Protein backbone atom coordinates (compact mmCIF):
# COMPACT_ATOMS: atom_id res chain seq x y z
CA MET A 1 14.68 11.44 -8.77
CA GLN A 2 18.34 10.70 -8.28
CA SER A 3 19.50 7.11 -8.28
CA LEU A 4 19.99 5.22 -5.02
CA ARG A 5 22.12 2.60 -6.70
CA ASN A 6 24.66 0.91 -4.42
CA GLN A 7 23.15 2.55 -1.34
CA ARG A 8 22.01 0.59 1.71
CA ILE A 9 18.67 1.64 3.14
CA LEU A 10 17.00 0.47 6.33
CA ILE A 11 13.24 0.97 6.64
CA ILE A 12 11.93 0.34 10.15
CA GLY A 13 8.24 -0.41 9.85
CA GLY A 14 8.84 -1.58 6.32
CA SER A 15 6.45 -4.52 6.41
CA SER A 16 3.34 -2.51 5.50
CA GLY A 17 1.85 0.86 4.62
CA ILE A 18 4.20 3.81 4.27
CA GLY A 19 7.29 1.75 5.04
CA LEU A 20 6.51 -0.89 2.43
CA ALA A 21 5.74 1.76 -0.19
CA THR A 22 9.08 3.40 0.59
CA ALA A 23 10.82 0.05 0.15
CA VAL A 24 9.18 -0.39 -3.27
CA GLY A 25 10.34 3.06 -4.36
CA ALA A 26 13.87 2.64 -3.02
CA ILE A 27 14.31 -0.71 -4.74
CA ALA A 28 13.09 0.82 -8.00
CA ALA A 29 15.73 3.54 -7.57
CA GLY A 30 18.45 0.91 -7.28
CA ALA A 31 18.94 0.68 -3.51
CA THR A 32 19.72 -2.39 -1.45
CA VAL A 33 16.85 -2.41 1.04
CA THR A 34 16.35 -3.99 4.44
CA ILE A 35 12.87 -3.89 5.93
CA ALA A 36 12.61 -4.25 9.69
CA SER A 37 9.66 -5.03 11.93
CA ARG A 38 8.95 -6.81 15.18
CA ASN A 39 6.56 -9.21 13.41
CA GLN A 40 8.26 -11.95 11.40
CA GLU A 41 5.04 -13.07 9.72
CA LYS A 42 4.41 -9.56 8.36
CA LEU A 43 8.04 -9.33 7.27
CA ASP A 44 7.78 -12.57 5.33
CA ALA A 45 4.58 -11.42 3.62
CA ALA A 46 6.13 -8.07 2.72
CA ALA A 47 9.27 -9.73 1.38
CA ALA A 48 7.10 -11.88 -0.87
CA THR A 49 5.40 -8.80 -2.33
CA LEU A 50 8.87 -7.41 -3.02
CA ASP A 51 9.81 -10.62 -4.88
CA ASP A 52 12.21 -11.41 -2.03
CA VAL A 53 14.56 -8.69 -3.26
CA ALA A 54 14.64 -6.98 0.15
CA ARG A 55 16.41 -8.36 3.17
CA THR A 56 14.36 -8.63 6.37
CA ALA A 57 15.33 -7.98 9.98
CA LEU A 58 13.38 -8.71 13.15
CA LEU A 59 13.68 -5.56 15.25
CA ASP A 60 11.64 -4.26 18.17
CA THR A 61 12.42 -0.58 18.76
CA GLY A 62 11.06 -0.95 22.28
CA ASP A 63 13.99 -3.19 23.21
CA ASN A 64 17.03 -0.93 23.56
CA ALA A 65 19.51 -3.80 23.99
CA LEU A 66 18.25 -5.39 20.79
CA VAL A 67 18.40 -2.07 18.92
CA GLU A 68 22.00 -1.47 20.02
CA LYS A 69 23.06 -5.02 19.17
CA PHE A 70 21.47 -4.78 15.72
CA PHE A 71 23.35 -1.62 14.77
CA GLN A 72 26.64 -2.84 16.25
CA GLN A 73 26.48 -5.86 13.95
CA GLU A 74 25.61 -3.86 10.82
CA GLU A 75 27.78 -1.75 8.56
CA PRO A 76 26.91 1.97 8.51
CA TRP A 77 23.77 2.74 6.52
CA ASP A 78 23.30 5.30 3.77
CA HIS A 79 19.73 6.06 4.84
CA ILE A 80 17.30 5.04 7.59
CA VAL A 81 13.56 5.69 7.56
CA ILE A 82 11.43 5.06 10.65
CA SER A 83 7.71 4.67 10.07
CA ALA A 84 6.88 2.13 12.77
CA ALA A 85 4.45 3.21 15.48
CA GLN A 86 1.37 2.06 17.32
CA THR A 87 -0.63 4.80 19.01
CA LYS A 88 -4.13 5.00 20.44
CA GLY A 89 -6.04 8.24 20.09
CA GLY A 90 -8.66 9.86 22.25
CA PRO A 91 -9.18 12.87 24.50
CA VAL A 92 -6.66 13.26 27.30
CA SER A 93 -9.46 12.95 29.85
CA SER A 94 -10.46 9.48 28.66
CA LEU A 95 -7.23 8.01 27.25
CA SER A 96 -5.72 5.80 29.93
CA LEU A 97 -2.25 6.66 31.19
CA GLY A 98 -1.12 3.20 30.14
CA ASP A 99 -2.24 3.76 26.55
CA ALA A 100 -0.73 7.25 26.57
CA GLU A 101 2.63 5.96 27.79
CA ALA A 102 2.55 3.12 25.24
CA ALA A 103 1.92 5.61 22.43
CA MET A 104 4.85 7.78 23.48
CA GLU A 105 6.99 4.69 23.95
CA SER A 106 6.23 3.37 20.48
CA LYS A 107 6.43 6.46 18.31
CA PHE A 108 8.81 8.81 20.12
CA TRP A 109 11.09 6.65 22.25
CA GLY A 110 11.36 3.97 19.56
CA SER A 111 12.69 6.60 17.15
CA TYR A 112 14.91 8.06 19.85
CA ARG A 113 16.54 4.68 20.53
CA VAL A 114 17.24 4.17 16.85
CA ALA A 115 18.74 7.67 16.56
CA ARG A 116 21.07 6.94 19.50
CA ALA A 117 22.27 3.59 18.22
CA ALA A 118 22.23 3.96 14.44
CA ARG A 119 25.42 4.25 12.46
CA LEU A 120 25.07 6.31 9.30
CA LYS A 121 27.56 7.24 6.62
CA GLU A 122 28.68 10.85 6.32
CA GLY A 123 26.10 12.63 4.21
CA GLY A 124 23.56 9.89 4.87
CA SER A 125 20.11 10.56 6.25
CA LEU A 126 17.70 9.66 9.02
CA THR A 127 14.00 10.31 8.44
CA PHE A 128 11.17 10.22 10.98
CA VAL A 129 7.47 10.06 10.14
CA SER A 130 5.43 12.40 12.33
CA GLY A 131 1.98 13.73 11.34
CA PHE A 132 0.08 16.94 10.63
CA LEU A 133 -1.61 16.92 14.05
CA SER A 134 1.58 18.57 15.30
CA GLU A 135 0.38 21.74 13.55
CA ARG A 136 -3.37 21.28 13.51
CA PRO A 137 -4.41 19.85 16.88
CA SER A 138 -7.49 17.71 17.33
CA ALA A 139 -9.54 17.59 20.52
CA THR A 140 -9.69 13.81 20.16
CA ALA A 141 -5.99 13.23 19.42
CA VAL A 142 -4.13 15.66 21.67
CA LEU A 143 -1.36 13.25 22.63
CA GLN A 144 -0.72 12.20 19.03
CA GLY A 145 -0.20 15.84 18.08
CA ALA A 146 2.22 16.30 20.96
CA ILE A 147 4.19 13.18 20.00
CA ASN A 148 4.41 14.33 16.38
CA ALA A 149 5.64 17.76 17.47
CA ALA A 150 8.26 16.13 19.70
CA LEU A 151 9.50 14.00 16.79
CA GLU A 152 9.82 17.04 14.53
CA SER A 153 11.73 18.92 17.21
CA LEU A 154 13.97 15.89 17.70
CA ALA A 155 14.74 15.89 13.97
CA ARG A 156 15.78 19.55 14.03
CA GLY A 157 18.05 19.08 17.01
CA LEU A 158 19.62 15.90 15.67
CA ALA A 159 20.30 17.63 12.35
CA LEU A 160 22.77 19.75 14.31
CA GLU A 161 24.12 17.05 16.61
CA LEU A 162 24.64 14.39 13.94
CA ALA A 163 25.83 16.67 11.11
CA PRO A 164 26.89 16.02 8.39
CA VAL A 165 24.34 13.19 8.65
CA ARG A 166 21.03 14.74 7.58
CA VAL A 167 17.94 14.37 9.77
CA ASN A 168 14.42 15.24 8.65
CA ALA A 169 10.77 14.48 9.32
CA ILE A 170 7.78 13.83 7.08
CA SER A 171 4.38 15.00 8.32
CA PRO A 172 1.56 13.04 6.66
CA GLY A 173 -2.13 13.84 6.76
CA VAL A 174 -4.84 11.17 6.57
CA ILE A 175 -3.28 8.21 4.76
CA ALA A 176 -5.13 5.04 3.75
CA THR A 177 -2.84 2.45 5.33
CA PRO A 178 -3.49 -0.91 7.03
CA LEU A 179 -3.52 0.95 10.38
CA TRP A 180 -7.18 1.69 9.61
CA ASN A 181 -8.07 -1.94 9.04
CA TYR A 182 -9.33 -2.39 12.59
CA LEU A 183 -12.46 -0.56 11.43
CA PRO A 184 -15.18 -2.22 9.34
CA GLU A 185 -14.76 -1.37 5.66
CA GLU A 186 -17.98 0.66 5.51
CA LYS A 187 -17.00 2.84 8.46
CA ARG A 188 -13.44 3.18 7.18
CA ASN A 189 -14.63 4.34 3.77
CA ALA A 190 -17.01 6.81 5.38
CA ILE A 191 -14.13 8.33 7.36
CA PHE A 192 -11.98 8.60 4.24
CA GLU A 193 -14.79 10.16 2.23
CA GLY A 194 -15.51 12.67 4.99
CA ALA A 195 -11.84 13.60 5.29
CA ALA A 196 -11.42 13.89 1.52
CA SER A 197 -14.38 16.25 1.20
CA LYS A 198 -12.66 18.74 3.53
CA LEU A 199 -9.27 18.66 1.82
CA PRO A 200 -8.23 20.91 -1.09
CA VAL A 201 -7.03 17.84 -3.01
CA ARG A 202 -10.39 16.09 -2.45
CA ARG A 203 -8.85 12.74 -1.59
CA VAL A 204 -7.01 11.07 1.26
CA GLY A 205 -3.38 10.17 0.89
CA GLN A 206 -1.87 6.88 -0.21
CA PRO A 207 1.32 5.31 1.17
CA GLN A 208 3.10 6.14 -2.09
CA ASP A 209 2.52 9.85 -1.47
CA ILE A 210 4.60 9.66 1.70
CA ALA A 211 7.13 7.31 0.12
CA ASN A 212 7.76 9.97 -2.54
CA ALA A 213 8.66 12.44 0.21
CA ALA A 214 10.98 9.91 1.87
CA LEU A 215 12.79 9.32 -1.42
CA PHE A 216 13.04 13.08 -1.97
CA LEU A 217 14.73 13.55 1.40
CA MET A 218 17.14 10.66 0.77
CA THR A 219 18.20 12.05 -2.60
CA THR A 220 18.38 15.75 -1.75
CA PRO A 221 21.75 16.46 -0.11
CA PHE A 222 20.73 20.00 0.88
CA ALA A 223 17.74 18.91 2.98
CA THR A 224 18.27 18.66 6.74
CA GLY A 225 16.41 19.82 9.81
CA SER A 226 13.26 19.99 7.68
CA THR A 227 9.70 18.81 8.18
CA VAL A 228 8.06 18.02 4.85
CA ARG A 229 4.30 18.19 5.19
CA VAL A 230 2.34 15.91 2.82
CA ASP A 231 -1.21 16.30 4.08
CA GLY A 232 -3.39 17.17 1.09
CA GLY A 233 -3.79 20.65 2.53
CA GLY A 234 -5.02 19.37 5.89
CA VAL A 235 -3.33 22.11 7.91
CA ILE A 236 -4.81 24.91 5.81
CA ALA A 237 -8.27 23.40 5.27
């Protein structure tokens, strides 16, 4: 991996899971990292795990005025990664319109607002985190697949509009992140074991697996308009 020394990286959703793992990797590669989240308590806890090397920023991507103000006050970034999202799954017929709108608001429109307001250096990069449901739909997560597909399409279009800034997406499969912690441990483990048994790699993903892809996209100047799938073979299984 190329060095990220002297580069400024913003990770939105950097207080846990994929975002936090990306922060760990970027710091190890020499970057100056800022982790952003709308939850100050989670930010403080994440900063402590990073030995307070990373800067923190309170940022709610649902608040457009706050997003615009944040980027106006900051110098242009070398790289931005957006992994923050809260989405509820379920069949279209039973998922409430309120929950559906909130999911789209969080994952798609939050990323869209950042893309509009962000200032990036020439040759820098913006990376979205989508998900493999965009290619392998599920009858119980139809909306999530549609949101992921929209994010990937947004990345391709922005790669043209924002050039020479590079814009890409990462499409994870089943990843063992704190987003699953709402389930009892026994049920969570059963889901992971069931998913792993169907995958060619015979395991579910870890946040570091996706962080590796994020670091690859940051350090590969020829990558833009791409969706990098890291799903353990989920699409082909």
